[in-house]
Amino acid sequence: MPINRLFREGKINPEEVERLNRAFTFTLHSLSLVDRDDPFCEMVARKVIGIEAAGTHDPREIAEIAAKEFGGSR
């Protein structure tokens, strides 16, 4: 799962990990991506982390924003 590799050790708490993993999963589903080893998934993971860092904390809202930015919608 590429998103976990992107977390800075000691900089993220378990609640944030769970929230980001949920947002990442929702986004992949919205974009119909199945293979988490696909290099595109790393771009999605970075986008999800960036959206959360900018202040959006609801996993579904993060996923919606990320999917729209990649041209997908649900």
Protein backbone atom coordinates (compact mmCIF):
# COMPACT_ATOMS: atom_id res chain seq x y z
CA MET A 1 0.00 0.00 0.00
CA PRO A 2 1.86 3.11 -1.20
CA ILE A 3 0.30 5.64 1.18
CA ASN A 4 1.88 4.11 4.29
CA ARG A 5 5.36 4.50 2.79
CA LEU A 6 4.77 8.24 2.54
CA PHE A 7 4.06 8.86 6.21
CA ARG A 8 6.84 10.54 8.15
CA GLU A 9 7.72 8.43 11.15
CA GLY A 10 6.79 10.07 14.41
CA LYS A 11 4.95 12.87 12.60
CA ILE A 12 1.56 11.18 12.26
CA ASN A 13 -0.71 9.71 14.91
CA PRO A 14 -2.79 6.52 14.55
CA GLU A 15 -6.01 8.47 13.97
CA GLU A 16 -4.45 10.33 11.07
CA VAL A 17 -3.13 7.06 9.63
CA GLU A 18 -6.63 5.57 9.74
CA ARG A 19 -8.22 8.70 8.25
CA LEU A 20 -5.68 8.88 5.41
CA ASN A 21 -5.97 5.18 4.65
CA ARG A 22 -9.76 5.49 4.45
CA ALA A 23 -9.51 8.55 2.21
CA PHE A 24 -6.99 6.76 -0.01
CA THR A 25 -9.22 3.70 -0.31
CA PHE A 26 -12.27 5.83 -1.12
CA THR A 27 -10.29 7.73 -3.76
CA LEU A 28 -8.98 4.56 -5.41
CA HIS A 29 -12.52 3.21 -5.53
CA SER A 30 -13.81 6.45 -7.07
CA LEU A 31 -11.13 6.25 -9.74
CA SER A 32 -11.72 2.51 -10.31
CA LEU A 33 -8.12 1.71 -9.38
CA VAL A 34 -7.50 -1.80 -8.06
CA ASP A 35 -3.76 -2.40 -8.29
CA ARG A 36 -2.17 -0.48 -5.42
CA ASP A 37 1.25 -1.16 -6.94
CA ASP A 38 0.32 0.95 -9.97
CA PRO A 39 2.62 4.02 -9.97
CA PHE A 40 -0.43 6.24 -10.41
CA CYS A 41 -1.57 5.15 -6.93
CA GLU A 42 1.45 6.87 -5.41
CA MET A 43 0.37 10.12 -7.06
CA VAL A 44 -3.11 9.59 -5.61
CA ALA A 45 -1.62 8.92 -2.16
CA ARG A 46 0.45 12.11 -2.30
CA LYS A 47 -2.63 14.09 -3.35
CA VAL A 48 -4.69 12.63 -0.47
CA ILE A 49 -1.97 13.53 2.03
CA GLY A 50 -1.72 17.04 0.59
CA ILE A 51 -5.46 17.64 0.80
CA GLU A 52 -5.51 16.47 4.41
CA ALA A 53 -2.50 18.66 5.24
CA ALA A 54 -4.30 21.66 3.73
CA GLY A 55 -7.06 21.29 6.29
CA THR A 56 -9.68 18.86 4.97
CA HIS A 57 -10.04 16.00 7.44
CA ASP A 58 -13.15 14.06 6.43
CA PRO A 59 -12.03 10.95 4.47
CA ARG A 60 -14.96 11.07 2.04
CA GLU A 61 -14.46 14.78 1.38
CA ILE A 62 -10.73 14.22 0.83
CA ALA A 63 -11.55 11.42 -1.61
CA GLU A 64 -14.07 13.57 -3.47
CA ILE A 65 -11.60 16.42 -3.89
CA ALA A 66 -8.77 14.09 -4.94
CA ALA A 67 -10.93 12.20 -7.45
CA LYS A 68 -12.10 15.47 -9.02
CA GLU A 69 -8.51 16.66 -9.33
CA PHE A 70 -7.65 13.47 -11.22
CA GLY A 71 -10.68 13.83 -13.49
CA GLY A 72 -12.87 11.25 -11.80
CA SER A 73 -16.12 11.64 -9.97
CA ARG A 74 -18.57 9.45 -8.22
